Amino acid sequence: MPHTNDDHIHLVNGLVETTIDSADGYAEAAKDADSAGYKDLFEKRAAERRSVASELQDEVRRLGGEPKDDGTILAAAHRVFVNLRDSLSKGDEAVINEVESGEDFIKAKYEKALGDTDVDAQTRTVIEKAWTSVKSGHDQMRDIKLALKH
């Protein structure tokens, strides 16, 4: 069954929430990182993800919907848990591991959206542009995680 406009709004708003979660996760990682280099990297990624979320919100508006403006409750609960756990074992490697785990999640969410063949062409273009940031962040965190293990 073809998607309705409401389906497209729901899809993009789901990506908005996940992308805001990602931006918030990077901001938290910047606070927790020991290395100035990692702090700077995470702050830049947080800003980039906020920009991506803003573009997705613009697409929701174009579709006639009301864009989400915060992340998911699940992510907020996850951050609280992570902050409690990490207070016992801080350090850049622990922070990188959490960020990389979050990147796996957002990558899967975008891959699922991109796999949807019934998405409006303009909406698909916006999602593909956002995917560029997501893929870049995921691959960078994966590479850093692997480098830390060697």
N, C-alpha and C. Protein backbone atom coordinates (compact mmCIF):
# COMPACT_ATOMS: atom_id res chain seq x y z
N MET A 1 0.83 -1.18 0.00
CA MET A 1 0.00 0.00 0.00
C MET A 1 0.89 1.25 0.00
N PRO A 2 0.65 2.19 -0.90
CA PRO A 2 1.49 3.40 -0.95
C PRO A 2 1.38 4.21 0.34
N HIS A 3 2.48 4.87 0.65
CA HIS A 3 2.50 5.70 1.86
C HIS A 3 1.65 6.94 1.66
N THR A 4 1.06 7.38 2.75
CA THR A 4 0.35 8.65 2.74
C THR A 4 1.33 9.74 3.15
N ASN A 5 0.91 10.97 3.02
CA ASN A 5 1.74 12.09 3.46
C ASN A 5 2.03 11.96 4.96
N ASP A 6 1.03 11.50 5.72
CA ASP A 6 1.23 11.30 7.17
C ASP A 6 2.32 10.26 7.43
N ASP A 7 2.37 9.23 6.59
CA ASP A 7 3.43 8.22 6.72
C ASP A 7 4.81 8.85 6.53
N HIS A 8 4.92 9.73 5.54
CA HIS A 8 6.19 10.40 5.28
C HIS A 8 6.57 11.29 6.46
N ILE A 9 5.60 12.02 7.00
CA ILE A 9 5.85 12.88 8.17
C ILE A 9 6.33 12.04 9.34
N HIS A 10 5.65 10.91 9.57
CA HIS A 10 6.03 10.03 10.68
C HIS A 10 7.46 9.49 10.50
N LEU A 11 7.78 9.07 9.28
CA LEU A 11 9.11 8.55 8.98
C LEU A 11 10.18 9.61 9.26
N VAL A 12 9.98 10.82 8.72
CA VAL A 12 10.99 11.87 8.89
C VAL A 12 11.06 12.30 10.35
N ASN A 13 9.92 12.40 11.02
CA ASN A 13 9.95 12.77 12.44
C ASN A 13 10.69 11.73 13.28
N GLY A 14 10.59 10.47 12.91
CA GLY A 14 11.36 9.44 13.61
C GLY A 14 12.86 9.67 13.45
N LEU A 15 13.26 10.09 12.25
CA LEU A 15 14.67 10.40 12.02
C LEU A 15 15.08 11.68 12.77
N VAL A 16 14.16 12.64 12.86
CA VAL A 16 14.44 13.86 13.64
C VAL A 16 14.77 13.47 15.08
N GLU A 17 13.91 12.66 15.68
CA GLU A 17 14.12 12.26 17.09
C GLU A 17 15.45 11.53 17.27
N THR A 18 15.72 10.60 16.39
CA THR A 18 16.96 9.83 16.49
C THR A 18 18.18 10.73 16.28
N THR A 19 18.07 11.68 15.37
CA THR A 19 19.19 12.58 15.10
C THR A 19 19.41 13.54 16.27
N ILE A 20 18.34 14.00 16.89
CA ILE A 20 18.48 14.82 18.10
C ILE A 20 19.10 13.99 19.21
N ASP A 21 18.67 12.74 19.35
CA ASP A 21 19.30 11.85 20.34
C ASP A 21 20.80 11.75 20.09
N SER A 22 21.17 11.63 18.83
CA SER A 22 22.58 11.53 18.46
C SER A 22 23.33 12.80 18.82
N ALA A 23 22.75 13.96 18.50
CA ALA A 23 23.38 15.24 18.85
C ALA A 23 23.57 15.35 20.36
N ASP A 24 22.54 14.96 21.10
CA ASP A 24 22.62 15.00 22.57
C ASP A 24 23.69 14.03 23.08
N GLY A 25 23.77 12.86 22.44
CA GLY A 25 24.77 11.88 22.82
C GLY A 25 26.18 12.40 22.60
N TYR A 26 26.39 13.05 21.47
CA TYR A 26 27.71 13.64 21.20
C TYR A 26 28.02 14.75 22.20
N ALA A 27 27.03 15.56 22.55
CA ALA A 27 27.25 16.63 23.53
C ALA A 27 27.64 16.04 24.88
N GLU A 28 26.97 14.96 25.28
CA GLU A 28 27.32 14.28 26.53
C GLU A 28 28.73 13.69 26.45
N ALA A 29 29.04 13.10 25.32
CA ALA A 29 30.38 12.51 25.13
C ALA A 29 31.44 13.59 25.24
N ALA A 30 31.16 14.78 24.71
CA ALA A 30 32.13 15.88 24.79
C ALA A 30 32.41 16.24 26.24
N LYS A 31 31.37 16.19 27.08
CA LYS A 31 31.54 16.49 28.51
C LYS A 31 32.36 15.41 29.20
N ASP A 32 32.19 14.17 28.76
CA ASP A 32 32.82 13.04 29.44
C ASP A 32 34.23 12.72 28.94
N ALA A 33 34.56 13.18 27.76
CA ALA A 33 35.87 12.85 27.17
C ALA A 33 37.00 13.52 27.96
N ASP A 34 38.10 12.81 28.10
CA ASP A 34 39.29 13.37 28.76
C ASP A 34 40.12 14.19 27.78
N SER A 35 40.26 13.69 26.58
CA SER A 35 41.12 14.30 25.57
C SER A 35 40.45 15.54 24.96
N ALA A 36 41.22 16.62 24.85
CA ALA A 36 40.70 17.84 24.22
C ALA A 36 40.33 17.56 22.76
N GLY A 37 41.10 16.71 22.11
CA GLY A 37 40.81 16.35 20.72
C GLY A 37 39.46 15.67 20.58
N TYR A 38 39.16 14.73 21.48
CA TYR A 38 37.86 14.06 21.43
C TYR A 38 36.74 15.03 21.79
N LYS A 39 36.96 15.88 22.79
CA LYS A 39 35.94 16.87 23.16
C LYS A 39 35.58 17.72 21.94
N ASP A 40 36.60 18.21 21.24
CA ASP A 40 36.37 19.04 20.06
C ASP A 40 35.63 18.26 18.98
N LEU A 41 36.06 17.05 18.72
CA LEU A 41 35.42 16.19 17.71
C LEU A 41 33.95 15.97 18.05
N PHE A 42 33.67 15.63 19.29
CA PHE A 42 32.29 15.35 19.69
C PHE A 42 31.43 16.61 19.61
N GLU A 43 31.99 17.75 19.99
CA GLU A 43 31.22 19.01 19.90
C GLU A 43 30.90 19.33 18.45
N LYS A 44 31.85 19.10 17.55
CA LYS A 44 31.61 19.34 16.12
C LYS A 44 30.54 18.39 15.58
N ARG A 45 30.62 17.13 15.97
CA ARG A 45 29.61 16.17 15.51
C ARG A 45 28.24 16.52 16.08
N ALA A 46 28.17 16.98 17.33
CA ALA A 46 26.89 17.38 17.92
C ALA A 46 26.28 18.52 17.12
N ALA A 47 27.09 19.51 16.77
CA ALA A 47 26.60 20.66 15.99
C ALA A 47 26.14 20.20 14.61
N GLU A 48 26.91 19.31 14.00
CA GLU A 48 26.55 18.79 12.68
C GLU A 48 25.21 18.06 12.74
N ARG A 49 25.02 17.24 13.77
CA ARG A 49 23.77 16.49 13.90
C ARG A 49 22.59 17.43 14.18
N ARG A 50 22.82 18.51 14.92
CA ARG A 50 21.74 19.48 15.14
C ARG A 50 21.34 20.12 13.81
N SER A 51 22.31 20.39 12.98
CA SER A 51 22.04 20.96 11.66
C SER A 51 21.24 19.97 10.80
N VAL A 52 21.63 18.72 10.85
CA VAL A 52 20.91 17.68 10.10
C VAL A 52 19.47 17.58 10.62
N ALA A 53 19.30 17.60 11.94
CA ALA A 53 17.95 17.52 12.52
C ALA A 53 17.10 18.71 12.05
N SER A 54 17.71 19.87 11.99
CA SER A 54 17.00 21.07 11.53
C SER A 54 16.54 20.92 10.08
N GLU A 55 17.39 20.36 9.24
CA GLU A 55 17.00 20.13 7.84
C GLU A 55 15.85 19.12 7.74
N LEU A 56 15.90 18.10 8.58
CA LEU A 56 14.81 17.12 8.60
C LEU A 56 13.52 17.77 9.10
N GLN A 57 13.64 18.63 10.11
CA GLN A 57 12.46 19.34 10.61
C GLN A 57 11.85 20.22 9.51
N ASP A 58 12.71 20.86 8.72
CA ASP A 58 12.22 21.67 7.59
C ASP A 58 11.43 20.80 6.61
N GLU A 59 11.89 19.57 6.40
CA GLU A 59 11.19 18.67 5.49
C GLU A 59 9.82 18.29 6.07
N VAL A 60 9.74 18.07 7.38
CA VAL A 60 8.44 17.77 8.01
C VAL A 60 7.48 18.95 7.78
N ARG A 61 8.00 20.16 7.94
CA ARG A 61 7.16 21.36 7.71
C ARG A 61 6.71 21.42 6.25
N ARG A 62 7.64 21.13 5.33
CA ARG A 62 7.29 21.14 3.90
C ARG A 62 6.16 20.16 3.62
N LEU A 63 6.18 19.04 4.30
CA LEU A 63 5.14 18.03 4.13
C LEU A 63 3.84 18.41 4.83
N GLY A 64 3.87 19.51 5.58
CA GLY A 64 2.66 19.97 6.27
C GLY A 64 2.51 19.45 7.68
N GLY A 65 3.58 18.87 8.22
CA GLY A 65 3.51 18.31 9.56
C GLY A 65 4.13 19.21 10.61
N GLU A 66 3.98 18.79 11.84
CA GLU A 66 4.58 19.48 12.98
C GLU A 66 5.85 18.71 13.36
N PRO A 67 7.03 19.33 13.17
CA PRO A 67 8.26 18.59 13.44
C PRO A 67 8.49 18.35 14.93
N LYS A 68 9.05 17.21 15.24
CA LYS A 68 9.48 16.91 16.60
C LYS A 68 10.62 17.86 16.93
N ASP A 69 10.72 18.21 18.20
CA ASP A 69 11.81 19.13 18.57
C ASP A 69 12.62 18.62 19.75
N ASP A 70 12.43 17.35 20.06
CA ASP A 70 13.28 16.75 21.08
C ASP A 70 13.49 15.28 20.75
N GLY A 71 14.38 14.68 21.49
CA GLY A 71 14.70 13.28 21.25
C GLY A 71 13.67 12.36 21.88
N THR A 72 14.00 11.10 21.94
CA THR A 72 13.08 10.11 22.48
C THR A 72 13.26 9.97 23.98
N ILE A 73 12.20 9.57 24.63
CA ILE A 73 12.26 9.31 26.08
C ILE A 73 13.20 8.15 26.35
N LEU A 74 13.19 7.17 25.47
CA LEU A 74 14.08 6.02 25.63
C LEU A 74 15.55 6.46 25.66
N ALA A 75 15.91 7.38 24.78
CA ALA A 75 17.29 7.86 24.75
C ALA A 75 17.64 8.61 26.02
N ALA A 76 16.72 9.40 26.53
CA ALA A 76 16.98 10.13 27.78
C ALA A 76 17.22 9.14 28.91
N ALA A 77 16.43 8.09 28.97
CA ALA A 77 16.62 7.08 30.01
C ALA A 77 17.95 6.36 29.82
N HIS A 78 18.31 6.08 28.56
CA HIS A 78 19.58 5.42 28.26
C HIS A 78 20.75 6.30 28.71
N ARG A 79 20.67 7.60 28.46
CA ARG A 79 21.75 8.51 28.85
C ARG A 79 21.94 8.52 30.37
N VAL A 80 20.82 8.51 31.10
CA VAL A 80 20.92 8.49 32.56
C VAL A 80 21.65 7.22 33.00
N PHE A 81 21.27 6.08 32.42
CA PHE A 81 21.91 4.82 32.75
C PHE A 81 23.40 4.86 32.40
N VAL A 82 23.71 5.35 31.21
CA VAL A 82 25.09 5.42 30.76
C VAL A 82 25.90 6.33 31.68
N ASN A 83 25.33 7.47 32.05
CA ASN A 83 26.04 8.39 32.93
C ASN A 83 26.31 7.76 34.29
N LEU A 84 25.35 7.01 34.81
CA LEU A 84 25.56 6.33 36.09
C LEU A 84 26.66 5.27 35.96
N ARG A 85 26.56 4.46 34.92
CA ARG A 85 27.54 3.40 34.73
C ARG A 85 28.93 3.97 34.46
N ASP A 86 28.99 4.99 33.61
CA ASP A 86 30.28 5.55 33.26
C ASP A 86 30.94 6.31 34.40
N SER A 87 30.14 6.70 35.39
CA SER A 87 30.76 7.39 36.52
C SER A 87 31.70 6.43 37.24
N LEU A 88 31.49 5.15 37.04
CA LEU A 88 32.37 4.15 37.64
C LEU A 88 33.59 3.88 36.76
N SER A 89 33.42 4.04 35.46
CA SER A 89 34.52 3.70 34.55
C SER A 89 34.63 4.72 33.43
N LYS A 90 35.02 5.90 33.76
CA LYS A 90 35.18 6.95 32.74
C LYS A 90 36.45 6.68 31.94
N GLY A 91 36.68 7.53 31.00
CA GLY A 91 37.86 7.42 30.16
C GLY A 91 37.45 7.46 28.72
N ASP A 92 38.37 7.90 27.89
CA ASP A 92 38.04 8.08 26.48
C ASP A 92 37.57 6.80 25.80
N GLU A 93 38.17 5.68 26.15
CA GLU A 93 37.76 4.43 25.50
C GLU A 93 36.30 4.10 25.82
N ALA A 94 35.88 4.29 27.07
CA ALA A 94 34.48 4.02 27.45
C ALA A 94 33.54 4.96 26.70
N VAL A 95 33.94 6.21 26.58
CA VAL A 95 33.12 7.20 25.88
C VAL A 95 33.01 6.84 24.40
N ILE A 96 34.14 6.50 23.78
CA ILE A 96 34.14 6.11 22.36
C ILE A 96 33.25 4.89 22.15
N ASN A 97 33.32 3.92 23.05
CA ASN A 97 32.49 2.73 22.91
C ASN A 97 31.00 3.07 22.93
N GLU A 98 30.60 3.98 23.82
CA GLU A 98 29.20 4.39 23.89
C GLU A 98 28.78 5.14 22.63
N VAL A 99 29.63 6.05 22.19
CA VAL A 99 29.32 6.83 20.99
C VAL A 99 29.18 5.89 19.79
N GLU A 100 30.10 4.96 19.67
CA GLU A 100 30.07 4.04 18.53
C GLU A 100 28.82 3.18 18.57
N SER A 101 28.39 2.79 19.76
CA SER A 101 27.15 2.02 19.90
C SER A 101 25.95 2.85 19.43
N GLY A 102 25.94 4.12 19.81
CA GLY A 102 24.88 5.01 19.36
C GLY A 102 24.89 5.19 17.86
N GLU A 103 26.09 5.25 17.29
CA GLU A 103 26.22 5.39 15.84
C GLU A 103 25.69 4.15 15.12
N ASP A 104 25.90 2.97 15.69
CA ASP A 104 25.34 1.76 15.08
C ASP A 104 23.81 1.85 15.03
N PHE A 105 23.22 2.38 16.12
CA PHE A 105 21.77 2.49 16.20
C PHE A 105 21.24 3.46 15.14
N ILE A 106 21.82 4.65 15.07
CA ILE A 106 21.31 5.66 14.13
C ILE A 106 21.55 5.21 12.68
N LYS A 107 22.67 4.54 12.43
CA LYS A 107 22.96 4.03 11.09
C LYS A 107 21.87 3.05 10.66
N ALA A 108 21.49 2.15 11.55
CA ALA A 108 20.45 1.16 11.23
C ALA A 108 19.11 1.84 10.97
N LYS A 109 18.80 2.86 11.72
CA LYS A 109 17.53 3.58 11.54
C LYS A 109 17.49 4.27 10.17
N TYR A 110 18.60 4.89 9.78
CA TYR A 110 18.65 5.54 8.47
C TYR A 110 18.65 4.52 7.34
N GLU A 111 19.35 3.40 7.52
CA GLU A 111 19.35 2.37 6.48
C GLU A 111 17.93 1.84 6.25
N LYS A 112 17.18 1.68 7.33
CA LYS A 112 15.80 1.22 7.20
C LYS A 112 14.98 2.26 6.42
N ALA A 113 15.14 3.53 6.74
CA ALA A 113 14.41 4.60 6.03
C ALA A 113 14.79 4.62 4.56
N LEU A 114 16.07 4.46 4.27
CA LEU A 114 16.53 4.47 2.88
C LEU A 114 16.05 3.24 2.11
N GLY A 115 15.76 2.17 2.83
CA GLY A 115 15.26 0.96 2.20
C GLY A 115 13.79 1.04 1.82
N ASP A 116 13.12 2.07 2.32
CA ASP A 116 11.71 2.28 2.01
C ASP A 116 11.59 2.83 0.59
N THR A 117 11.03 2.05 -0.31
CA THR A 117 10.99 2.44 -1.72
C THR A 117 9.81 3.35 -2.05
N ASP A 118 8.94 3.61 -1.09
CA ASP A 118 7.75 4.40 -1.35
C ASP A 118 7.83 5.78 -0.69
N VAL A 119 9.03 6.36 -0.69
CA VAL A 119 9.22 7.68 -0.08
C VAL A 119 9.21 8.74 -1.18
N ASP A 120 8.52 9.81 -0.91
CA ASP A 120 8.47 10.98 -1.79
C ASP A 120 9.90 11.34 -2.22
N ALA A 121 10.08 11.69 -3.51
CA ALA A 121 11.42 11.95 -4.06
C ALA A 121 12.15 13.06 -3.31
N GLN A 122 11.47 14.14 -3.00
CA GLN A 122 12.14 15.24 -2.29
C GLN A 122 12.50 14.82 -0.87
N THR A 123 11.63 14.06 -0.23
CA THR A 123 11.91 13.55 1.11
C THR A 123 13.12 12.62 1.07
N ARG A 124 13.17 11.75 0.07
CA ARG A 124 14.31 10.84 -0.07
C ARG A 124 15.61 11.62 -0.22
N THR A 125 15.60 12.70 -0.97
CA THR A 125 16.79 13.53 -1.15
C THR A 125 17.26 14.09 0.19
N VAL A 126 16.33 14.56 1.01
CA VAL A 126 16.66 15.10 2.33
C VAL A 126 17.25 14.00 3.22
N ILE A 127 16.63 12.82 3.19
CA ILE A 127 17.12 11.69 4.00
C ILE A 127 18.51 11.27 3.52
N GLU A 128 18.73 11.23 2.22
CA GLU A 128 20.04 10.84 1.68
C GLU A 128 21.12 11.84 2.10
N LYS A 129 20.78 13.12 2.11
CA LYS A 129 21.74 14.14 2.54
C LYS A 129 22.08 13.93 4.03
N ALA A 130 21.07 13.68 4.84
CA ALA A 130 21.29 13.42 6.27
C ALA A 130 22.13 12.15 6.45
N TRP A 131 21.88 11.15 5.62
CA TRP A 131 22.60 9.88 5.68
C TRP A 131 24.11 10.09 5.52
N THR A 132 24.49 11.06 4.69
CA THR A 132 25.91 11.36 4.48
C THR A 132 26.59 11.68 5.81
N SER A 133 25.95 12.50 6.63
CA SER A 133 26.48 12.85 7.95
C SER A 133 26.51 11.63 8.87
N VAL A 134 25.42 10.88 8.86
CA VAL A 134 25.31 9.70 9.73
C VAL A 134 26.38 8.68 9.38
N LYS A 135 26.54 8.39 8.10
CA LYS A 135 27.52 7.40 7.66
C LYS A 135 28.94 7.85 8.01
N SER A 136 29.22 9.11 7.80
CA SER A 136 30.54 9.66 8.11
C SER A 136 30.84 9.54 9.61
N GLY A 137 29.86 9.92 10.43
CA GLY A 137 30.05 9.83 11.89
C GLY A 137 30.22 8.40 12.34
N HIS A 138 29.40 7.51 11.81
CA HIS A 138 29.50 6.10 12.16
C HIS A 138 30.87 5.54 11.82
N ASP A 139 31.30 5.78 10.59
CA ASP A 139 32.57 5.22 10.14
C ASP A 139 33.74 5.80 10.94
N GLN A 140 33.68 7.08 11.25
CA GLN A 140 34.74 7.71 12.02
C GLN A 140 34.83 7.10 13.42
N MET A 141 33.69 6.92 14.08
CA MET A 141 33.70 6.35 15.44
C MET A 141 34.14 4.89 15.41
N ARG A 142 33.72 4.16 14.40
CA ARG A 142 34.15 2.76 14.25
C ARG A 142 35.67 2.71 14.12
N ASP A 143 36.23 3.58 13.27
CA ASP A 143 37.66 3.59 13.05
C ASP A 143 38.43 3.97 14.31
N ILE A 144 37.92 4.95 15.05
CA ILE A 144 38.58 5.35 16.31
C ILE A 144 38.53 4.20 17.30
N LYS A 145 37.38 3.54 17.41
CA LYS A 145 37.23 2.42 18.34
C LYS A 145 38.24 1.32 17.99
N LEU A 146 38.33 1.00 16.70
CA LEU A 146 39.27 -0.04 16.28
C LEU A 146 40.72 0.37 16.55
N ALA A 147 41.05 1.64 16.32
CA ALA A 147 42.41 2.12 16.57
C ALA A 147 42.76 2.04 18.05
N LEU A 148 41.80 2.28 18.92
CA LEU A 148 42.05 2.22 20.37
C LEU A 148 42.32 0.79 20.84
N LYS A 149 41.81 -0.18 20.11
CA LYS A 149 42.00 -1.58 20.49
C LYS A 149 43.38 -2.10 20.10
N HIS A 150 44.09 -1.37 19.25
CA HIS A 150 45.42 -1.83 18.79
C HIS A 150 46.54 -1.17 19.53
